[in-house]
C-alpha atoms as a PDB file:
ATOM      1  CA  MET A   1       0.155  -0.152  -0.051  1.00  0.00           C
ATOM      2  CA  ASN A   2       1.247   3.376  -0.950  1.00  0.00           C
ATOM      3  CA  HIS A   3       0.953   6.031   1.800  1.00  0.00           C
ATOM      4  CA  ASN A   4       0.985   8.793  -0.889  1.00  0.00           C
ATOM      5  CA  TYR A   5      -2.571   7.783  -1.851  1.00  0.00           C
ATOM      6  CA  PRO A   6      -4.936   7.722   1.008  1.00  0.00           C
ATOM      7  CA  PHE A   7      -8.077   6.720  -1.458  1.00  0.00           C
ATOM      8  CA  GLU A   8      -6.686   3.248  -1.281  1.00  0.00           C
ATOM      9  CA  ARG A   9      -7.977   2.587   2.415  1.00  0.00           C
ATOM     10  CA  SER A  10     -11.652   2.868   1.520  1.00  0.00           C
ATOM     11  CA  CYS A  11     -11.436   1.424  -2.057  1.00  0.00           C
ATOM     12  CA  PRO A  12     -11.364  -2.381  -2.746  1.00  0.00           C
ATOM     13  CA  ASP A  13      -8.059  -3.869  -4.337  1.00  0.00           C
ATOM     14  CA  GLU A  14      -9.585  -4.591  -7.643  1.00  0.00           C
ATOM     15  CA  HIS A  15     -10.468  -1.001  -7.740  1.00  0.00           C
ATOM     16  CA  LYS A  16      -7.555   0.596  -6.436  1.00  0.00           C
ATOM     17  CA  ILE A  17      -6.866   4.050  -8.087  1.00  0.00           C
ATOM     18  CA  ARG A  18      -3.299   4.798  -9.139  1.00  0.00           C
ATOM     19  CA  GLU A  19      -2.084   7.974 -10.169  1.00  0.00           C
ATOM     20  CA  SER A  20      -0.081   6.362 -13.090  1.00  0.00           C
ATOM     21  CA  HIS A  21      -2.979   4.333 -14.427  1.00  0.00           C
ATOM     22  CA  CYS A  22      -5.612   6.959 -14.263  1.00  0.00           C
ATOM     23  CA  PRO A  23      -6.658   8.260 -17.758  1.00  0.00           C
ATOM     24  CA  THR A  24      -7.544  11.507 -16.332  1.00  0.00           C
ATOM     25  CA  LYS A  25      -4.541  12.728 -14.577  1.00  0.00           C
ATOM     26  CA  HIS A  26      -4.246  16.178 -13.300  1.00  0.00           C
ATOM     27  CA  THR A  27      -1.395  17.811 -11.828  1.00  0.00           C
ATOM     28  CA  VAL A  28      -1.972  18.565  -8.197  1.00  0.00           C
ATOM     29  CA  SER A  29       0.387  20.612  -5.990  1.00  0.00           C
ATOM     30  CA  GLY A  30       1.630  19.382  -2.679  1.00  0.00           C
ATOM     31  CA  THR A  31      -0.402  21.967  -0.640  1.00  0.00           C
ATOM     32  CA  GLN A  32      -3.577  20.899  -2.426  1.00  0.00           C
ATOM     33  CA  GLN A  33      -2.901  17.250  -1.443  1.00  0.00           C
ATOM     34  CA  ALA A  34      -2.073  18.160   2.088  1.00  0.00           C
ATOM     35  CA  GLY A  35      -5.262  20.060   2.350  1.00  0.00           C
ATOM     36  CA  ALA A  36      -7.428  17.421   0.876  1.00  0.00           C
ATOM     37  CA  ILE A  37      -5.930  14.711   3.304  1.00  0.00           C
ATOM     38  CA  SER A  38      -6.489  16.778   6.366  1.00  0.00           C
ATOM     39  CA  ASN A  39     -10.053  17.539   5.371  1.00  0.00           C
ATOM     40  CA  ILE A  40     -10.705  13.838   5.042  1.00  0.00           C
ATOM     41  CA  PHE A  41      -9.376  13.121   8.449  1.00  0.00           C
ATOM     42  CA  ALA A  42     -11.367  15.911  10.066  1.00  0.00           C
ATOM     43  CA  SER A  43     -14.528  14.624   8.376  1.00  0.00           C
ATOM     44  CA  GLY A  44     -13.772  11.057   9.671  1.00  0.00           C
ATOM     45  CA  ARG A  45     -13.342  12.357  13.348  1.00  0.00           C
ATOM     46  CA  ASN A  46     -16.696  14.386  12.862  1.00  0.00           C
ATOM     47  CA  LYS A  47     -18.580  11.115  11.858  1.00  0.00           C
ATOM     48  CA  LYS A  48     -16.881   9.201  14.785  1.00  0.00           C
ATOM     49  CA  GLY A  49     -18.039  11.945  17.228  1.00  0.00           C
ATOM     50  CA  THR A  50     -21.564  12.091  15.991  1.00  0.00           C
ATOM     51  CA  GLY A  51     -21.823   8.330  15.667  1.00  0.00           C
ATOM     52  CA  ILE A  52     -22.735   8.356  11.981  1.00  0.00           C
ATOM     53  CA  GLY A  53     -20.018   6.345  10.786  1.00  0.00           C
ATOM     54  CA  ASP A  54     -19.911   3.891  13.780  1.00  0.00           C
ATOM     55  CA  ARG A  55     -21.778   0.546  13.354  1.00  0.00           C
ATOM     56  CA  ASN A  56     -22.470  -0.007  16.925  1.00  0.00           C
ATOM     57  CA  SER A  57     -23.940   3.236  17.239  1.00  0.00           C
ATOM     58  CA  VAL A  58     -26.642   2.751  14.758  1.00  0.00           C
ATOM     59  CA  PRO A  59     -28.462  -0.123  16.588  1.00  0.00           C
ATOM     60  CA  LYS A  60     -28.183   1.625  19.763  1.00  0.00           C
ATOM     61  CA  THR A  61     -29.962   4.725  18.390  1.00  0.00           C
ATOM     62  CA  LEU A  62     -32.645   2.475  16.764  1.00  0.00           C
ATOM     63  CA  GLY A  63     -33.109   0.601  20.121  1.00  0.00           C
ATOM     64  CA  MET A  64     -33.408   3.757  22.093  1.00  0.00           C
ATOM     65  CA  THR A  65     -36.015   5.217  19.651  1.00  0.00           C
ATOM     66  CA  ARG A  66     -37.837   1.894  19.728  1.00  0.00           C
ATOM     67  CA  LEU A  67     -37.785   1.723  23.634  1.00  0.00           C
ATOM     68  CA  SER A  68     -38.872   5.471  23.749  1.00  0.00           C
ATOM     69  CA  SER A  69     -41.585   4.699  21.195  1.00  0.00           C
ATOM     70  CA  SER A  70     -42.925   1.675  23.162  1.00  0.00           C
ATOM     71  CA  ASP A  71     -42.899   3.742  26.248  1.00  0.00           C
ATOM     72  CA  SER A  72     -44.692   6.414  24.670  1.00  0.00           C
ATOM     73  CA  THR A  73     -47.360   3.917  23.350  1.00  0.00           C
ATOM     74  CA  LYS A  74     -47.667   2.608  26.804  1.00  0.00           C
ATOM     75  CA  GLU A  75     -48.179   5.975  28.284  1.00  0.00           C
ATOM     76  CA  VAL A  76     -50.830   6.725  25.633  1.00  0.00           C
ATOM     77  CA  ARG A  77     -52.569   3.670  26.239  1.00  0.00           C
ATOM     78  CA  THR A  78     -52.667   4.032  30.108  1.00  0.00           C
ATOM     79  CA  LYS A  79     -53.835   7.691  29.504  1.00  0.00           C
ATOM     80  CA  SER A  80     -56.556   6.345  27.163  1.00  0.00           C
ATOM     81  CA  ILE A  81     -57.627   3.782  29.606  1.00  0.00           C
ATOM     82  CA  THR A  82     -57.819   6.089  32.532  1.00  0.00           C
ATOM     83  CA  MET A  83     -59.759   8.658  30.599  1.00  0.00           C
ATOM     84  CA  SER A  84     -62.022   6.065  29.287  1.00  0.00           C
ATOM     85  CA  ASP A  85     -62.818   5.040  32.790  1.00  0.00           C
ATOM     86  CA  THR A  86     -63.329   8.478  33.946  1.00  0.00           C
ATOM     87  CA  GLU A  87     -64.988  10.040  31.131  1.00  0.00           C
ATOM     88  CA  PRO A  88     -68.112   7.906  31.292  1.00  0.00           C
ATOM     89  CA  LYS A  89     -68.538   8.348  34.921  1.00  0.00           C
ATOM     90  CA  THR A  90     -68.186  12.148  34.724  1.00  0.00           C
ATOM     91  CA  SER A  91     -70.512  12.435  31.788  1.00  0.00           C
ATOM     92  CA  THR A  92     -73.191  10.294  33.401  1.00  0.00           C
ATOM     93  CA  VAL A  93     -73.130  12.306  36.397  1.00  0.00           C
ATOM     94  CA  SER A  94     -73.175  15.531  34.570  1.00  0.00           C
ATOM     95  CA  SER A  95     -76.042  14.200  32.422  1.00  0.00           C
ATOM     96  CA  LYS A  96     -78.037  13.025  35.520  1.00  0.00           C
ATOM     97  CA  LYS A  97     -77.485  16.389  37.235  1.00  0.00           C
ATOM     98  CA  SER A  98     -78.550  18.175  34.031  1.00  0.00           C
ATOM     99  CA  SER A  99     -81.682  15.927  33.684  1.00  0.00           C
ATOM    100  CA  GLN A 100     -82.741  16.319  37.200  1.00  0.00           C
ATOM    101  CA  SER A 101     -82.556  20.115  36.876  1.00  0.00           C
ATOM    102  CA  LEU A 102     -84.703  19.980  33.673  1.00  0.00           C
ATOM    103  CA  ILE A 103     -87.193  17.447  34.872  1.00  0.00           C
ATOM    104  CA  GLN A 104     -89.818  17.861  37.820  1.00  0.00           C
ATOM    105  CA  VAL A 105     -92.328  15.575  39.459  1.00  0.00           C
ATOM    106  CA  CYS A 106     -95.888  16.342  39.475  1.00  0.00           C
ATOM    107  CA  PRO A 107     -97.163  16.224  43.255  1.00  0.00           C
ATOM    108  CA  ILE A 108    -100.585  14.786  42.470  1.00  0.00           C
ATOM    109  CA  CYS A 109     -99.910  11.963  39.803  1.00  0.00           C
ATOM    110  CA  SER A 110     -96.065  11.491  40.533  1.00  0.00           C
ATOM    111  CA  ARG A 111     -95.153  11.724  36.727  1.00  0.00           C
ATOM    112  CA  PHE A 112     -91.996  13.518  35.266  1.00  0.00           C
ATOM    113  CA  TYR A 113     -92.607  16.437  33.217  1.00  0.00           C
ATOM    114  CA  GLY A 114     -90.206  19.130  31.812  1.00  0.00           C
ATOM    115  CA  LEU A 115     -89.976  22.701  32.989  1.00  0.00           C
ATOM    116  CA  ALA A 116     -92.008  23.889  29.991  1.00  0.00           C
ATOM    117  CA  SER A 117     -94.921  21.512  30.466  1.00  0.00           C
ATOM    118  CA  ILE A 118     -95.248  21.211  34.278  1.00  0.00           C
ATOM    119  CA  ASP A 119     -97.396  24.186  34.781  1.00  0.00           C
ATOM    120  CA  ILE A 120     -99.838  23.196  32.019  1.00  0.00           C
ATOM    121  CA  HIS A 121     -99.950  19.764  33.381  1.00  0.00           C
ATOM    122  CA  MET A 122    -100.505  20.824  37.010  1.00  0.00           C
ATOM    123  CA  ARG A 123    -103.641  22.756  36.129  1.00  0.00           C
ATOM    124  CA  ALA A 124    -105.117  20.010  34.080  1.00  0.00           C
ATOM    125  CA  CYS A 125    -104.302  17.400  36.740  1.00  0.00           C
ATOM    126  CA  GLN A 126    -105.810  19.481  39.568  1.00  0.00           C
ATOM    127  CA  LEU A 127    -108.856  19.559  37.619  1.00  0.00           C
ATOM    128  CA  ALA A 128    -108.924  15.861  37.003  1.00  0.00           C
ATOM    129  CA  ASP A 129    -108.061  15.107  40.617  1.00  0.00           C
ATOM    130  CA  GLU A 130    -111.026  17.333  41.978  1.00  0.00           C
ATOM    131  CA  LEU A 131    -113.434  15.549  39.454  1.00  0.00           C
ATOM    132  CA  GLN A 132    -112.286  12.130  40.475  1.00  0.00           C
ATOM    133  CA  ARG A 133    -112.727  12.921  44.225  1.00  0.00           C
ATOM    134  CA  ARG A 134    -116.156  14.380  43.491  1.00  0.00           C
ATOM    135  CA  GLN A 135    -117.119  11.066  41.819  1.00  0.00           C
ATOM    136  CA  LEU A 136    -115.551   8.974  44.548  1.00  0.00           C
ATOM    137  CA  GLU A 137    -117.536  10.903  47.079  1.00  0.00           C
ATOM    138  CA  ALA A 138    -120.725  10.542  45.171  1.00  0.00           C
ATOM    139  CA  LYS A 139    -120.278   6.827  44.711  1.00  0.00           C
ATOM    140  CA  GLN A 140    -119.464   6.298  48.530  1.00  0.00           C
ATOM    141  CA  ALA A 141    -122.785   8.334  49.506  1.00  0.00           C
ATOM    142  CA  TRP A 142    -124.864   6.166  46.995  1.00  0.00           C
ATOM    143  CA  ASP A 143    -123.340   2.942  48.492  1.00  0.00           C
ATOM    144  CA  ASN A 144    -124.042   4.094  51.974  1.00  0.00           C
ATOM    145  CA  LYS A 145    -127.503   4.935  51.004  1.00  0.00           C
ATOM    146  CA  LEU A 146    -128.148   1.633  49.714  1.00  0.00           C
ATOM    147  CA  VAL A 147    -126.528  -0.256  52.830  1.00  0.00           C
ATOM    148  CA  ARG A 148    -128.183   1.777  55.451  1.00  0.00           C
ATOM    149  CA  ARG A 149    -131.665   1.440  56.622  1.00  0.00           C
ATOM    150  CA  PRO A 150    -134.638   3.208  55.253  1.00  0.00           C
ATOM    151  CA  SER A 151    -134.935   6.932  57.090  1.00  0.00           C
ATOM    152  CA  HIS A 152    -137.744   7.027  59.525  1.00  0.00           C
ATOM    153  CA  PRO A 153    -140.640   8.666  58.418  1.00  0.00           C
ATOM    154  CA  PRO A 154    -141.518  11.962  60.159  1.00  0.00           C
ATOM    155  CA  GLY A 155    -144.014  12.383  62.906  1.00  0.00           C
ATOM    156  CA  THR A 156    -145.494  10.162  65.562  1.00  0.00           C
ATOM    157  CA  LEU A 157    -148.250   7.648  65.477  1.00  0.00           C
ATOM    158  CA  CYS A 158    -151.631   8.284  67.025  1.00  0.00           C
ATOM    159  CA  HIS A 159    -152.321   6.058  69.924  1.00  0.00           C
ATOM    160  CA  ILE A 160    -156.087   6.008  69.084  1.00  0.00           C
ATOM    161  CA  CYS A 161    -156.345   5.451  65.367  1.00  0.00           C
ATOM    162  CA  GLY A 162    -152.688   4.429  64.511  1.00  0.00           C
ATOM    163  CA  ARG A 163    -152.197   6.918  62.019  1.00  0.00           C
ATOM    164  CA  ARG A 164    -148.976   9.072  61.411  1.00  0.00           C
ATOM    165  CA  TYR A 165    -148.954  12.783  61.997  1.00  0.00           C
ATOM    166  CA  THR A 166    -146.350  15.366  62.338  1.00  0.00           C
ATOM    167  CA  HIS A 167    -145.641  16.919  65.667  1.00  0.00           C
ATOM    168  CA  ALA A 168    -147.294  20.068  64.714  1.00  0.00           C
ATOM    169  CA  SER A 169    -150.584  18.343  63.509  1.00  0.00           C
ATOM    170  CA  LEU A 170    -150.629  15.761  66.263  1.00  0.00           C
ATOM    171  CA  SER A 171    -151.623  18.046  69.095  1.00  0.00           C
ATOM    172  CA  LEU A 172    -154.754  19.177  66.855  1.00  0.00           C
ATOM    173  CA  HIS A 173    -155.625  15.567  65.786  1.00  0.00           C
ATOM    174  CA  ILE A 174    -155.693  13.988  69.197  1.00  0.00           C
ATOM    175  CA  PRO A 175    -158.701  15.896  70.523  1.00  0.00           C
ATOM    176  CA  ARG A 176    -160.752  15.174  67.500  1.00  0.00           C
ATOM    177  CA  CYS A 177    -159.860  11.772  67.268  1.00  0.00           C
ATOM    178  CA  LEU A 178    -160.827  11.247  70.837  1.00  0.00           C
ATOM    179  CA  LYS A 179    -163.997  12.709  70.502  1.00  0.00           C
ATOM    180  CA  GLN A 180    -164.811  10.542  67.383  1.00  0.00           C
ATOM    181  CA  TRP A 181    -163.806   7.452  69.379  1.00  0.00           C
ATOM    182  CA  VAL A 182    -166.192   8.344  72.313  1.00  0.00           C
ATOM    183  CA  GLN A 183    -169.013   8.802  69.754  1.00  0.00           C
ATOM    184  CA  TRP A 184    -168.419   5.338  67.960  1.00  0.00           C
ATOM    185  CA  ASN A 185    -167.905   3.629  71.339  1.00  0.00           C
ATOM    186  CA  LYS A 186    -171.486   4.767  72.191  1.00  0.00           C
ATOM    187  CA  MET A 187    -172.739   3.379  69.168  1.00  0.00           C
ATOM    188  CA  LEU A 188    -171.459  -0.014  69.679  1.00  0.00           C
ATOM    189  CA  PRO A 189    -173.375  -2.890  71.449  1.00  0.00           C
ATOM    190  CA  LYS A 190    -172.912  -2.738  75.071  1.00  0.00           C
ATOM    191  CA  ARG A 191    -170.923  -6.017  75.119  1.00  0.00           C
ATOM    192  CA  LYS A 192    -168.398  -4.396  72.646  1.00  0.00           C
ATOM    193  CA  GLN A 193    -168.098  -0.961  74.305  1.00  0.00           C
ATOM    194  CA  HIS A 194    -164.735   0.011  75.861  1.00  0.00           C
ATOM    195  CA  ARG A 195    -165.077   1.189  79.531  1.00  0.00           C
ATOM    196  CA  GLN A 196    -162.031   3.208  79.600  1.00  0.00           C
ATOM    197  CA  ILE A 197    -160.895   6.259  77.478  1.00  0.00           C
ATOM    198  CA  PRO A 198    -157.846   5.970  75.554  1.00  0.00           C
ATOM    199  CA  VAL A 199    -154.848   7.511  77.326  1.00  0.00           C
ATOM    200  CA  THR A 200    -151.594   8.607  75.630  1.00  0.00           C
ATOM    201  CA  PRO A 201    -148.706   6.220  76.688  1.00  0.00           C
ATOM    202  CA  THR A 202    -145.638   7.717  78.237  1.00  0.00           C
ATOM    203  CA  PRO A 203    -142.915   5.309  78.190  1.00  0.00           C
ATOM    204  CA  THR A 204    -139.864   5.947  80.062  1.00  0.00           C
ATOM    205  CA  ASP A 205    -136.252   5.975  78.748  1.00  0.00           C
ATOM    206  CA  GLU A 206    -135.322   2.674  80.412  1.00  0.00           C
ATOM    207  CA  GLU A 207    -138.240   0.944  78.756  1.00  0.00           C
ATOM    208  CA  LEU A 208    -137.227   2.458  75.354  1.00  0.00           C
ATOM    209  CA  GLN A 209    -133.686   1.309  75.832  1.00  0.00           C
ATOM    210  CA  GLU A 210    -134.797  -2.250  76.929  1.00  0.00           C
ATOM    211  CA  ARG A 211    -136.816  -2.513  73.665  1.00  0.00           C
ATOM    212  CA  VAL A 212    -133.812  -1.433  71.652  1.00  0.00           C
ATOM    213  CA  GLU A 213    -131.373  -3.687  73.294  1.00  0.00           C
ATOM    214  CA  LYS A 214    -133.776  -6.561  72.883  1.00  0.00           C
ATOM    215  CA  ALA A 215    -134.204  -5.837  69.026  1.00  0.00           C
ATOM    216  CA  HIS A 216    -130.458  -5.713  68.596  1.00  0.00           C
ATOM    217  CA  ARG A 217    -130.143  -9.105  70.299  1.00  0.00           C
ATOM    218  CA  ASN A 218    -132.628 -10.370  67.829  1.00  0.00           C
ATOM    219  CA  GLY A 219    -130.680  -9.286  64.895  1.00  0.00           C
ATOM    220  CA  LEU A 220    -132.338  -5.793  64.055  1.00  0.00           C
ATOM    221  CA  THR A 221    -129.246  -3.565  64.095  1.00  0.00           C
ATOM    222  CA  TYR A 222    -130.799  -0.544  62.688  1.00  0.00           C
ATOM    223  CA  TYR A 223    -133.583  -0.537  65.477  1.00  0.00           C
ATOM    224  CA  ALA A 224    -133.662   2.842  67.175  1.00  0.00           C
ATOM    225  CA  ILE A 225    -135.559   4.542  69.954  1.00  0.00           C
ATOM    226  CA  ALA A 226    -137.936   6.100  67.555  1.00  0.00           C
ATOM    227  CA  ASP A 227    -138.726   2.735  66.395  1.00  0.00           C
ATOM    228  CA  ALA A 228    -139.438   1.672  69.789  1.00  0.00           C
ATOM    229  CA  LEU A 229    -141.838   4.632  70.459  1.00  0.00           C
ATOM    230  CA  ASP A 230    -143.650   3.761  67.257  1.00  0.00           C
ATOM    231  CA  GLU A 231    -144.020   0.271  68.391  1.00  0.00           C
ATOM    232  CA  ILE A 232    -145.292   1.346  71.919  1.00  0.00           C
ATOM    233  CA  MET A 233    -147.978   3.674  70.118  1.00  0.00           C
ATOM    234  CA  LEU A 234    -149.034   0.962  67.686  1.00  0.00           C
ATOM    235  CA  GLU A 235    -149.643  -1.452  70.480  1.00  0.00           C
ATOM    236  CA  ALA A 236    -151.820   1.308  72.171  1.00  0.00           C
ATOM    237  CA  SER A 237    -153.676   1.884  69.042  1.00  0.00           C
ATOM    238  CA  LEU A 238    -154.425  -1.775  68.751  1.00  0.00           C
ATOM    239  CA  LYS A 239    -155.837  -1.848  72.286  1.00  0.00           C
ATOM    240  CA  ASN A 240    -158.046   1.107  71.623  1.00  0.00           C
ATOM    241  CA  LYS A 241    -159.362  -0.031  68.177  1.00  0.00           C
ATOM    242  CA  LEU A 242    -163.082  -0.179  67.844  1.00  0.00           C
ATOM    243  CA  PRO A 243    -165.099  -2.668  65.921  1.00  0.00           C
ATOM    244  CA  VAL A 244    -166.586  -0.122  63.531  1.00  0.00           C
ATOM    245  CA  GLU A 245    -168.218  -2.785  61.423  1.00  0.00           C
ATOM    246  CA  LEU A 246    -170.752  -3.451  64.238  1.00  0.00           C
ATOM    247  CA  ILE A 247    -172.057   0.193  64.317  1.00  0.00           C
ATOM    248  CA  HIS A 248    -174.430  -0.418  61.287  1.00  0.00           C
ATOM    249  CA  THR A 249    -175.839  -3.744  62.578  1.00  0.00           C
ATOM    250  CA  LYS A 250    -176.926  -2.255  65.917  1.00  0.00           C
END
């Protein structure tokens, strides 16, 4: 190897370039050759310093880039996983809060309505609820009317004839009825005439209450004191009854 030609270090043996065999030979001065050689060695040092010309440096840099890329992908994956885990939770919570703020519950029917329609629904729901309440009250009143006993007729029975009169007219009817009874009693045969004049019965409270309790024991739960008084007056009228059919046969 000739040390005067530094290009022989990088070229193969069969392609060695010699100055004597080169067809395009140019005359180069010594100073130019020395400057070229120094530039070549300087470029070689720069390549070694930067790691471009070193074979071992290339895989190391590639390995570092691969490791760094794998680490970055892992970080991205973990970040994406954590974000995917937290994002739905936060989104659902925010959506629930927003929905709760936009939805209200009707206090009457317990249904959900929006802020725009809750006022309109409340007016209609109140009217419907009031109508339903009135219908229910009417139905209950009708059911109670069917179940309860018939109302007691007004007035009191006459102890002479057994007819019913009001309290205002009863005081006027008793003297007239008693006068008529006396006349008819005189017209009867002597064996059929009553010797005593009818007297208005005056039952005590204990007697009336005893009759009510007896009726309740017999199953007449609707039996009241007014019914007991009517029963006493009816019994008295049956005792004072006159056989009017015998008057014409006298």
